[in-house]
PDB file of all heavy atoms in Angstrom:
ATOM      1  N   GLN A   1      -2.896  -1.501 -17.065  1.00  0.00           N
ATOM      2  CA  GLN A   1      -3.140  -1.068 -18.437  1.00  0.00           C
ATOM      3  C   GLN A   1      -4.016  -2.073 -19.179  1.00  0.00           C
ATOM      4  O   GLN A   1      -4.922  -1.681 -19.925  1.00  0.00           O
ATOM      5  CB  GLN A   1      -1.813  -0.889 -19.167  1.00  0.00           C
ATOM      6  CG  GLN A   1      -1.961  -0.367 -20.591  1.00  0.00           C
ATOM      7  CD  GLN A   1      -0.649   0.172 -21.139  1.00  0.00           C
ATOM      8  OE1 GLN A   1       0.074   0.887 -20.456  1.00  0.00           O
ATOM      9  NE2 GLN A   1      -0.340  -0.169 -22.375  1.00  0.00           N
ATOM     10  N   ARG A   2      -3.767  -3.353 -18.964  1.00  0.00           N
ATOM     11  CA  ARG A   2      -4.574  -4.384 -19.631  1.00  0.00           C
ATOM     12  C   ARG A   2      -6.022  -4.330 -19.157  1.00  0.00           C
ATOM     13  O   ARG A   2      -6.952  -4.462 -19.957  1.00  0.00           O
ATOM     14  CB  ARG A   2      -3.959  -5.757 -19.352  1.00  0.00           C
ATOM     15  CG  ARG A   2      -4.648  -6.910 -20.057  1.00  0.00           C
ATOM     16  CD  ARG A   2      -3.826  -8.182 -19.965  1.00  0.00           C
ATOM     17  NE  ARG A   2      -3.580  -8.571 -18.587  1.00  0.00           N
ATOM     18  CZ  ARG A   2      -2.398  -8.517 -17.996  1.00  0.00           C
ATOM     19  NH1 ARG A   2      -1.336  -8.056 -18.658  1.00  0.00           N
ATOM     20  NH2 ARG A   2      -2.247  -8.899 -16.750  1.00  0.00           N
ATOM     21  N   THR A   3      -6.213  -4.104 -17.866  1.00  0.00           N
ATOM     22  CA  THR A   3      -7.566  -4.020 -17.321  1.00  0.00           C
ATOM     23  C   THR A   3      -8.317  -2.825 -17.894  1.00  0.00           C
ATOM     24  O   THR A   3      -9.488  -2.927 -18.276  1.00  0.00           O
ATOM     25  CB  THR A   3      -7.511  -3.911 -15.788  1.00  0.00           C
ATOM     26  OG1 THR A   3      -6.885  -5.088 -15.258  1.00  0.00           O
ATOM     27  CG2 THR A   3      -8.910  -3.771 -15.197  1.00  0.00           C
ATOM     28  N   LEU A   4      -7.647  -1.690 -17.968  1.00  0.00           N
ATOM     29  CA  LEU A   4      -8.293  -0.496 -18.509  1.00  0.00           C
ATOM     30  C   LEU A   4      -8.595  -0.661 -19.993  1.00  0.00           C
ATOM     31  O   LEU A   4      -9.664  -0.267 -20.466  1.00  0.00           O
ATOM     32  CB  LEU A   4      -7.404   0.725 -18.286  1.00  0.00           C
ATOM     33  CG  LEU A   4      -7.289   1.231 -16.843  1.00  0.00           C
ATOM     34  CD1 LEU A   4      -6.229   2.302 -16.739  1.00  0.00           C
ATOM     35  CD2 LEU A   4      -8.635   1.755 -16.350  1.00  0.00           C
ATOM     36  N   ALA A   5      -7.645  -1.227 -20.729  1.00  0.00           N
ATOM     37  CA  ALA A   5      -7.841  -1.385 -22.173  1.00  0.00           C
ATOM     38  C   ALA A   5      -9.027  -2.286 -22.485  1.00  0.00           C
ATOM     39  O   ALA A   5      -9.685  -2.119 -23.525  1.00  0.00           O
ATOM     40  CB  ALA A   5      -6.573  -1.942 -22.807  1.00  0.00           C
ATOM     41  N   ARG A   6      -9.324  -3.234 -21.591  1.00  0.00           N
ATOM     42  CA  ARG A   6     -10.432  -4.161 -21.818  1.00  0.00           C
ATOM     43  C   ARG A   6     -11.762  -3.631 -21.273  1.00  0.00           C
ATOM     44  O   ARG A   6     -12.792  -4.272 -21.461  1.00  0.00           O
ATOM     45  CB  ARG A   6     -10.116  -5.504 -21.151  1.00  0.00           C
ATOM     46  CG  ARG A   6      -8.952  -6.256 -21.802  1.00  0.00           C
ATOM     47  CD  ARG A   6      -8.625  -7.508 -21.012  1.00  0.00           C
ATOM     48  NE  ARG A   6      -7.546  -8.273 -21.643  1.00  0.00           N
ATOM     49  CZ  ARG A   6      -6.992  -9.362 -21.101  1.00  0.00           C
ATOM     50  NH1 ARG A   6      -7.429  -9.809 -19.927  1.00  0.00           N
ATOM     51  NH2 ARG A   6      -6.019  -9.993 -21.725  1.00  0.00           N
ATOM     52  N   SER A   7     -11.726  -2.500 -20.598  1.00  0.00           N
ATOM     53  CA  SER A   7     -12.949  -1.956 -20.015  1.00  0.00           C
ATOM     54  C   SER A   7     -13.866  -1.424 -21.114  1.00  0.00           C
ATOM     55  O   SER A   7     -13.392  -0.858 -22.112  1.00  0.00           O
ATOM     56  CB  SER A   7     -12.613  -0.832 -19.028  1.00  0.00           C
ATOM     57  OG  SER A   7     -11.830  -1.318 -17.963  1.00  0.00           O
ATOM     58  N   PRO A   8     -15.170  -1.576 -20.967  1.00  0.00           N
ATOM     59  CA  PRO A   8     -16.116  -1.083 -21.986  1.00  0.00           C
ATOM     60  C   PRO A   8     -15.990   0.430 -22.176  1.00  0.00           C
ATOM     61  O   PRO A   8     -15.867   1.182 -21.207  1.00  0.00           O
ATOM     62  CB  PRO A   8     -17.478  -1.450 -21.388  1.00  0.00           C
ATOM     63  CG  PRO A   8     -17.204  -2.553 -20.421  1.00  0.00           C
ATOM     64  CD  PRO A   8     -15.847  -2.266 -19.858  1.00  0.00           C
ATOM     65  N   GLY A   9     -16.005   0.835 -23.434  1.00  0.00           N
ATOM     66  CA  GLY A   9     -15.973   2.253 -23.753  1.00  0.00           C
ATOM     67  C   GLY A   9     -14.596   2.867 -23.823  1.00  0.00           C
ATOM     68  O   GLY A   9     -14.459   4.044 -24.172  1.00  0.00           O
ATOM     69  N   VAL A  10     -13.546   2.123 -23.500  1.00  0.00           N
ATOM     70  CA  VAL A  10     -12.179   2.657 -23.509  1.00  0.00           C
ATOM     71  C   VAL A  10     -11.587   2.498 -24.899  1.00  0.00           C
ATOM     72  O   VAL A  10     -11.536   1.399 -25.447  1.00  0.00           O
ATOM     73  CB  VAL A  10     -11.306   1.950 -22.464  1.00  0.00           C
ATOM     74  CG1 VAL A  10      -9.842   2.385 -22.612  1.00  0.00           C
ATOM     75  CG2 VAL A  10     -11.806   2.253 -21.068  1.00  0.00           C
ATOM     76  N   ALA A  11     -11.141   3.614 -25.468  1.00  0.00           N
ATOM     77  CA  ALA A  11     -10.513   3.585 -26.791  1.00  0.00           C
ATOM     78  C   ALA A  11      -9.004   3.455 -26.691  1.00  0.00           C
ATOM     79  O   ALA A  11      -8.366   2.870 -27.562  1.00  0.00           O
ATOM     80  CB  ALA A  11     -10.874   4.856 -27.555  1.00  0.00           C
ATOM     81  N   GLU A  12      -8.432   3.993 -25.612  1.00  0.00           N
ATOM     82  CA  GLU A  12      -6.981   3.960 -25.460  1.00  0.00           C
ATOM     83  C   GLU A  12      -6.641   4.098 -23.981  1.00  0.00           C
ATOM     84  O   GLU A  12      -7.272   4.877 -23.256  1.00  0.00           O
ATOM     85  CB  GLU A  12      -6.341   5.110 -26.247  1.00  0.00           C
ATOM     86  CG  GLU A  12      -4.827   5.188 -26.127  1.00  0.00           C
ATOM     87  CD  GLU A  12      -4.277   6.425 -26.814  1.00  0.00           C
ATOM     88  OE1 GLU A  12      -5.076   7.141 -27.458  1.00  0.00           O
ATOM     89  OE2 GLU A  12      -3.074   6.675 -26.684  1.00  0.00           O
ATOM     90  N   ALA A  13      -5.639   3.332 -23.523  1.00  0.00           N
ATOM     91  CA  ALA A  13      -5.208   3.405 -22.123  1.00  0.00           C
ATOM     92  C   ALA A  13      -3.691   3.334 -22.070  1.00  0.00           C
ATOM     93  O   ALA A  13      -3.078   2.497 -22.738  1.00  0.00           O
ATOM     94  CB  ALA A  13      -5.818   2.274 -21.308  1.00  0.00           C
ATOM     95  N   SER A  14      -3.097   4.221 -21.302  1.00  0.00           N
ATOM     96  CA  SER A  14      -1.646   4.248 -21.142  1.00  0.00           C
ATOM     97  C   SER A  14      -1.335   4.458 -19.666  1.00  0.00           C
ATOM     98  O   SER A  14      -1.793   5.420 -19.049  1.00  0.00           O
ATOM     99  CB  SER A  14      -1.039   5.381 -21.978  1.00  0.00           C
ATOM    100  OG  SER A  14       0.363   5.471 -21.756  1.00  0.00           O
ATOM    101  N   VAL A  15      -0.553   3.542 -19.082  1.00  0.00           N
ATOM    102  CA  VAL A  15      -0.199   3.609 -17.671  1.00  0.00           C
ATOM    103  C   VAL A  15       1.282   3.924 -17.538  1.00  0.00           C
ATOM    104  O   VAL A  15       2.117   3.298 -18.199  1.00  0.00           O
ATOM    105  CB  VAL A  15      -0.521   2.284 -16.953  1.00  0.00           C
ATOM    106  CG1 VAL A  15      -0.122   2.350 -15.481  1.00  0.00           C
ATOM    107  CG2 VAL A  15      -1.999   1.964 -17.084  1.00  0.00           C
ATOM    108  N   ASN A  16       1.608   4.908 -16.713  1.00  0.00           N
ATOM    109  CA  ASN A  16       2.985   5.332 -16.497  1.00  0.00           C
ATOM    110  C   ASN A  16       3.402   4.950 -15.089  1.00  0.00           C
ATOM    111  O   ASN A  16       2.859   5.464 -14.113  1.00  0.00           O
ATOM    112  CB  ASN A  16       3.115   6.846 -16.712  1.00  0.00           C
ATOM    113  CG  ASN A  16       4.570   7.290 -16.785  1.00  0.00           C
ATOM    114  OD1 ASN A  16       5.376   6.961 -15.923  1.00  0.00           O
ATOM    115  ND2 ASN A  16       4.898   8.048 -17.834  1.00  0.00           N
ATOM    116  N   LEU A  17       4.367   4.035 -14.991  1.00  0.00           N
ATOM    117  CA  LEU A  17       4.816   3.561 -13.685  1.00  0.00           C
ATOM    118  C   LEU A  17       5.545   4.651 -12.909  1.00  0.00           C
ATOM    119  O   LEU A  17       5.351   4.814 -11.703  1.00  0.00           O
ATOM    120  CB  LEU A  17       5.730   2.341 -13.859  1.00  0.00           C
ATOM    121  CG  LEU A  17       6.346   1.748 -12.591  1.00  0.00           C
ATOM    122  CD1 LEU A  17       5.258   1.229 -11.662  1.00  0.00           C
ATOM    123  CD2 LEU A  17       7.320   0.622 -12.959  1.00  0.00           C
ATOM    124  N   MET A  18       6.402   5.420 -13.595  1.00  0.00           N
ATOM    125  CA  MET A  18       7.184   6.449 -12.925  1.00  0.00           C
ATOM    126  C   MET A  18       6.311   7.589 -12.416  1.00  0.00           C
ATOM    127  O   MET A  18       6.529   8.119 -11.326  1.00  0.00           O
ATOM    128  CB  MET A  18       8.248   7.001 -13.878  1.00  0.00           C
ATOM    129  CG  MET A  18       9.257   5.962 -14.339  1.00  0.00           C
ATOM    130  SD  MET A  18      10.117   5.171 -12.957  1.00  0.00           S
ATOM    131  CE  MET A  18      10.994   6.582 -12.275  1.00  0.00           C
ATOM    132  N   LEU A  19       5.317   7.979 -13.201  1.00  0.00           N
ATOM    133  CA  LEU A  19       4.420   9.060 -12.797  1.00  0.00           C
ATOM    134  C   LEU A  19       3.264   8.564 -11.936  1.00  0.00           C
ATOM    135  O   LEU A  19       2.510   9.378 -11.391  1.00  0.00           O
ATOM    136  CB  LEU A  19       3.865   9.780 -14.033  1.00  0.00           C
ATOM    137  CG  LEU A  19       4.889  10.509 -14.907  1.00  0.00           C
ATOM    138  CD1 LEU A  19       4.210  11.165 -16.101  1.00  0.00           C
ATOM    139  CD2 LEU A  19       5.651  11.547 -14.096  1.00  0.00           C
ATOM    140  N   ALA A  20       3.120   7.251 -11.842  1.00  0.00           N
ATOM    141  CA  ALA A  20       2.070   6.624 -11.034  1.00  0.00           C
ATOM    142  C   ALA A  20       0.687   7.113 -11.437  1.00  0.00           C
ATOM    143  O   ALA A  20      -0.119   7.539 -10.611  1.00  0.00           O
ATOM    144  CB  ALA A  20       2.318   6.877  -9.544  1.00  0.00           C
ATOM    145  N   ASN A  21       0.409   7.054 -12.751  1.00  0.00           N
ATOM    146  CA  ASN A  21      -0.915   7.455 -13.206  1.00  0.00           C
ATOM    147  C   ASN A  21      -1.304   6.683 -14.454  1.00  0.00           C
ATOM    148  O   ASN A  21      -0.479   5.980 -15.058  1.00  0.00           O
ATOM    149  CB  ASN A  21      -0.988   8.967 -13.450  1.00  0.00           C
ATOM    150  CG  ASN A  21      -0.057   9.435 -14.552  1.00  0.00           C
ATOM    151  OD1 ASN A  21       0.281   8.686 -15.472  1.00  0.00           O
ATOM    152  ND2 ASN A  21       0.402  10.678 -14.471  1.00  0.00           N
ATOM    153  N   ALA A  22      -2.561   6.803 -14.804  1.00  0.00           N
ATOM    154  CA  ALA A  22      -3.093   6.162 -16.006  1.00  0.00           C
ATOM    155  C   ALA A  22      -3.852   7.199 -16.808  1.00  0.00           C
ATOM    156  O   ALA A  22      -4.716   7.896 -16.259  1.00  0.00           O
ATOM    157  CB  ALA A  22      -4.009   5.000 -15.639  1.00  0.00           C
ATOM    158  N   THR A  23      -3.536   7.328 -18.088  1.00  0.00           N
ATOM    159  CA  THR A  23      -4.228   8.241 -18.985  1.00  0.00           C
ATOM    160  C   THR A  23      -5.130   7.426 -19.892  1.00  0.00           C
ATOM    161  O   THR A  23      -4.667   6.509 -20.582  1.00  0.00           O
ATOM    162  CB  THR A  23      -3.226   9.053 -19.821  1.00  0.00           C
ATOM    163  OG1 THR A  23      -2.364   9.791 -18.941  1.00  0.00           O
ATOM    164  CG2 THR A  23      -3.952  10.027 -20.732  1.00  0.00           C
ATOM    165  N   VAL A  24      -6.418   7.742 -19.860  1.00  0.00           N
ATOM    166  CA  VAL A  24      -7.404   6.923 -20.570  1.00  0.00           C
ATOM    167  C   VAL A  24      -8.261   7.804 -21.462  1.00  0.00           C
ATOM    168  O   VAL A  24      -8.757   8.854 -21.023  1.00  0.00           O
ATOM    169  CB  VAL A  24      -8.311   6.171 -19.571  1.00  0.00           C
ATOM    170  CG1 VAL A  24      -9.225   5.200 -20.323  1.00  0.00           C
ATOM    171  CG2 VAL A  24      -7.485   5.439 -18.534  1.00  0.00           C
ATOM    172  N   ALA A  25      -8.418   7.398 -22.709  1.00  0.00           N
ATOM    173  CA  ALA A  25      -9.368   8.029 -23.626  1.00  0.00           C
ATOM    174  C   ALA A  25     -10.575   7.108 -23.728  1.00  0.00           C
ATOM    175  O   ALA A  25     -10.436   5.917 -24.037  1.00  0.00           O
ATOM    176  CB  ALA A  25      -8.729   8.234 -24.992  1.00  0.00           C
ATOM    177  N   TYR A  26     -11.756   7.645 -23.440  1.00  0.00           N
ATOM    178  CA  TYR A  26     -12.937   6.790 -23.371  1.00  0.00           C
ATOM    179  C   TYR A  26     -14.161   7.498 -23.948  1.00  0.00           C
ATOM    180  O   TYR A  26     -14.203   8.719 -24.077  1.00  0.00           O
ATOM    181  CB  TYR A  26     -13.219   6.391 -21.923  1.00  0.00           C
ATOM    182  CG  TYR A  26     -13.566   7.547 -21.021  1.00  0.00           C
ATOM    183  CD1 TYR A  26     -14.893   7.908 -20.779  1.00  0.00           C
ATOM    184  CD2 TYR A  26     -12.567   8.297 -20.411  1.00  0.00           C
ATOM    185  CE1 TYR A  26     -15.214   8.967 -19.953  1.00  0.00           C
ATOM    186  CE2 TYR A  26     -12.876   9.369 -19.580  1.00  0.00           C
ATOM    187  CZ  TYR A  26     -14.193   9.700 -19.358  1.00  0.00           C
ATOM    188  OH  TYR A  26     -14.511  10.766 -18.552  1.00  0.00           O
ATOM    189  N   ASP A  27     -15.137   6.677 -24.292  1.00  0.00           N
ATOM    190  CA  ASP A  27     -16.406   7.165 -24.811  1.00  0.00           C
ATOM    191  C   ASP A  27     -17.313   7.502 -23.629  1.00  0.00           C
ATOM    192  O   ASP A  27     -17.714   6.602 -22.877  1.00  0.00           O
ATOM    193  CB  ASP A  27     -17.037   6.092 -25.694  1.00  0.00           C
ATOM    194  CG  ASP A  27     -18.374   6.537 -26.278  1.00  0.00           C
ATOM    195  OD1 ASP A  27     -18.799   7.678 -26.006  1.00  0.00           O
ATOM    196  OD2 ASP A  27     -18.990   5.731 -26.996  1.00  0.00           O
ATOM    197  N   PRO A  28     -17.665   8.771 -23.429  1.00  0.00           N
ATOM    198  CA  PRO A  28     -18.485   9.141 -22.269  1.00  0.00           C
ATOM    199  C   PRO A  28     -19.884   8.558 -22.313  1.00  0.00           C
ATOM    200  O   PRO A  28     -20.572   8.514 -21.292  1.00  0.00           O
ATOM    201  CB  PRO A  28     -18.514  10.668 -22.333  1.00  0.00           C
ATOM    202  CG  PRO A  28     -18.234  10.998 -23.757  1.00  0.00           C
ATOM    203  CD  PRO A  28     -17.293   9.937 -24.245  1.00  0.00           C
ATOM    204  N   ALA A  29     -20.306   8.090 -23.495  1.00  0.00           N
ATOM    205  CA  ALA A  29     -21.623   7.477 -23.585  1.00  0.00           C
ATOM    206  C   ALA A  29     -21.616   6.046 -23.056  1.00  0.00           C
ATOM    207  O   ALA A  29     -22.672   5.486 -22.759  1.00  0.00           O
ATOM    208  CB  ALA A  29     -22.103   7.488 -25.039  1.00  0.00           C
ATOM    209  N   ALA A  30     -20.420   5.453 -22.959  1.00  0.00           N
ATOM    210  CA  ALA A  30     -20.322   4.056 -22.535  1.00  0.00           C
ATOM    211  C   ALA A  30     -19.767   3.887 -21.131  1.00  0.00           C
ATOM    212  O   ALA A  30     -20.031   2.880 -20.473  1.00  0.00           O
ATOM    213  CB  ALA A  30     -19.455   3.271 -23.529  1.00  0.00           C
ATOM    214  N   THR A  31     -18.979   4.848 -20.646  1.00  0.00           N
ATOM    215  CA  THR A  31     -18.384   4.738 -19.317  1.00  0.00           C
ATOM    216  C   THR A  31     -18.073   6.130 -18.791  1.00  0.00           C
ATOM    217  O   THR A  31     -18.364   7.131 -19.444  1.00  0.00           O
ATOM    218  CB  THR A  31     -17.110   3.870 -19.365  1.00  0.00           C
ATOM    219  OG1 THR A  31     -16.642   3.635 -18.037  1.00  0.00           O
ATOM    220  CG2 THR A  31     -16.018   4.535 -20.172  1.00  0.00           C
ATOM    221  N   ASN A  32     -17.471   6.190 -17.625  1.00  0.00           N
ATOM    222  CA  ASN A  32     -17.108   7.479 -17.035  1.00  0.00           C
ATOM    223  C   ASN A  32     -15.861   7.306 -16.171  1.00  0.00           C
ATOM    224  O   ASN A  32     -15.391   6.174 -15.957  1.00  0.00           O
ATOM    225  CB  ASN A  32     -18.259   8.054 -16.210  1.00  0.00           C
ATOM    226  CG  ASN A  32     -18.754   7.075 -15.157  1.00  0.00           C
ATOM    227  OD1 ASN A  32     -18.010   6.664 -14.272  1.00  0.00           O
ATOM    228  ND2 ASN A  32     -20.027   6.685 -15.263  1.00  0.00           N
ATOM    229  N   ALA A  33     -15.342   8.430 -15.684  1.00  0.00           N
ATOM    230  CA  ALA A  33     -14.106   8.382 -14.909  1.00  0.00           C
ATOM    231  C   ALA A  33     -14.266   7.566 -13.638  1.00  0.00           C
ATOM    232  O   ALA A  33     -13.343   6.852 -13.226  1.00  0.00           O
ATOM    233  CB  ALA A  33     -13.641   9.808 -14.576  1.00  0.00           C
ATOM    234  N   GLY A  34     -15.421   7.654 -12.998  1.00  0.00           N
ATOM    235  CA  GLY A  34     -15.653   6.882 -11.783  1.00  0.00           C
ATOM    236  C   GLY A  34     -15.579   5.388 -12.025  1.00  0.00           C
ATOM    237  O   GLY A  34     -15.019   4.642 -11.215  1.00  0.00           O
ATOM    238  N   ALA A  35     -16.134   4.931 -13.149  1.00  0.00           N
ATOM    239  CA  ALA A  35     -16.090   3.510 -13.477  1.00  0.00           C
ATOM    240  C   ALA A  35     -14.660   3.057 -13.754  1.00  0.00           C
ATOM    241  O   ALA A  35     -14.275   1.935 -13.412  1.00  0.00           O
ATOM    242  CB  ALA A  35     -16.975   3.227 -14.686  1.00  0.00           C
ATOM    243  N   LEU A  36     -13.858   3.935 -14.356  1.00  0.00           N
ATOM    244  CA  LEU A  36     -12.460   3.597 -14.622  1.00  0.00           C
ATOM    245  C   LEU A  36     -11.675   3.488 -13.319  1.00  0.00           C
ATOM    246  O   LEU A  36     -10.817   2.617 -13.165  1.00  0.00           O
ATOM    247  CB  LEU A  36     -11.839   4.652 -15.531  1.00  0.00           C
ATOM    248  CG  LEU A  36     -12.471   4.773 -16.925  1.00  0.00           C
ATOM    249  CD1 LEU A  36     -11.859   5.937 -17.691  1.00  0.00           C
ATOM    250  CD2 LEU A  36     -12.296   3.475 -17.702  1.00  0.00           C
ATOM    251  N   VAL A  37     -11.958   4.376 -12.384  1.00  0.00           N
ATOM    252  CA  VAL A  37     -11.321   4.299 -11.066  1.00  0.00           C
ATOM    253  C   VAL A  37     -11.687   2.986 -10.381  1.00  0.00           C
ATOM    254  O   VAL A  37     -10.829   2.306  -9.801  1.00  0.00           O
ATOM    255  CB  VAL A  37     -11.733   5.503 -10.193  1.00  0.00           C
ATOM    256  CG1 VAL A  37     -11.316   5.285  -8.740  1.00  0.00           C
ATOM    257  CG2 VAL A  37     -11.109   6.784 -10.726  1.00  0.00           C
ATOM    258  N   ASP A  38     -12.948   2.603 -10.470  1.00  0.00           N
ATOM    259  CA  ASP A  38     -13.394   1.340  -9.880  1.00  0.00           C
ATOM    260  C   ASP A  38     -12.700   0.148 -10.542  1.00  0.00           C
ATOM    261  O   ASP A  38     -12.360  -0.838  -9.863  1.00  0.00           O
ATOM    262  CB  ASP A  38     -14.907   1.191 -10.017  1.00  0.00           C
ATOM    263  CG  ASP A  38     -15.669   2.179  -9.138  1.00  0.00           C
ATOM    264  OD1 ASP A  38     -15.064   2.701  -8.174  1.00  0.00           O
ATOM    265  OD2 ASP A  38     -16.851   2.454  -9.440  1.00  0.00           O
ATOM    266  N   ALA A  39     -12.477   0.224 -11.851  1.00  0.00           N
ATOM    267  CA  ALA A  39     -11.802  -0.868 -12.555  1.00  0.00           C
ATOM    268  C   ALA A  39     -10.367  -1.020 -12.071  1.00  0.00           C
ATOM    269  O   ALA A  39      -9.865  -2.135 -11.909  1.00  0.00           O
ATOM    270  CB  ALA A  39     -11.827  -0.603 -14.065  1.00  0.00           C
ATOM    271  N   ILE A  40      -9.700   0.112 -11.817  1.00  0.00           N
ATOM    272  CA  ILE A  40      -8.327   0.055 -11.306  1.00  0.00           C
ATOM    273  C   ILE A  40      -8.310  -0.528  -9.903  1.00  0.00           C
ATOM    274  O   ILE A  40      -7.485  -1.383  -9.568  1.00  0.00           O
ATOM    275  CB  ILE A  40      -7.693   1.462 -11.319  1.00  0.00           C
ATOM    276  CG1 ILE A  40      -7.551   1.970 -12.753  1.00  0.00           C
ATOM    277  CG2 ILE A  40      -6.328   1.440 -10.632  1.00  0.00           C
ATOM    278  CD1 ILE A  40      -7.081   3.410 -12.848  1.00  0.00           C
ATOM    279  N   ARG A  41      -9.227  -0.084  -9.075  1.00  0.00           N
ATOM    280  CA  ARG A  41      -9.282  -0.587  -7.696  1.00  0.00           C
ATOM    281  C   ARG A  41      -9.581  -2.081  -7.664  1.00  0.00           C
ATOM    282  O   ARG A  41      -9.136  -2.794  -6.761  1.00  0.00           O
ATOM    283  CB  ARG A  41     -10.339   0.179  -6.916  1.00  0.00           C
ATOM    284  CG  ARG A  41      -9.962   1.634  -6.628  1.00  0.00           C
ATOM    285  CD  ARG A  41     -11.106   2.390  -5.978  1.00  0.00           C
ATOM    286  NE  ARG A  41     -10.739   3.769  -5.652  1.00  0.00           N
ATOM    287  CZ  ARG A  41     -11.595   4.691  -5.232  1.00  0.00           C
ATOM    288  NH1 ARG A  41     -12.885   4.379  -5.098  1.00  0.00           N
ATOM    289  NH2 ARG A  41     -11.172   5.907  -4.947  1.00  0.00           N
ATOM    290  N   ALA A  42     -10.350  -2.549  -8.644  1.00  0.00           N
ATOM    291  CA  ALA A  42     -10.691  -3.970  -8.704  1.00  0.00           C
ATOM    292  C   ALA A  42      -9.466  -4.837  -8.966  1.00  0.00           C
ATOM    293  O   ALA A  42      -9.478  -6.035  -8.675  1.00  0.00           O
ATOM    294  CB  ALA A  42     -11.746  -4.225  -9.776  1.00  0.00           C
ATOM    295  N   THR A  43      -8.397  -4.245  -9.500  1.00  0.00           N
ATOM    296  CA  THR A  43      -7.167  -4.998  -9.735  1.00  0.00           C
ATOM    297  C   THR A  43      -6.291  -5.054  -8.496  1.00  0.00           C
ATOM    298  O   THR A  43      -5.258  -5.725  -8.502  1.00  0.00           O
ATOM    299  CB  THR A  43      -6.364  -4.369 -10.888  1.00  0.00           C
ATOM    300  OG1 THR A  43      -5.951  -3.042 -10.520  1.00  0.00           O
ATOM    301  CG2 THR A  43      -7.164  -4.313 -12.166  1.00  0.00           C
TER     302      THR A  43
END
């Protein structure tokens, strides 16, 4: 969650441990879903 929240273009990030997912609100002009996936993998 901290990594996603600090990613460029991300306005809001919420990670759910039980559901094993991350919900992210982001600016499509600054980033995209693929970049967010890469940010998670980088952790």
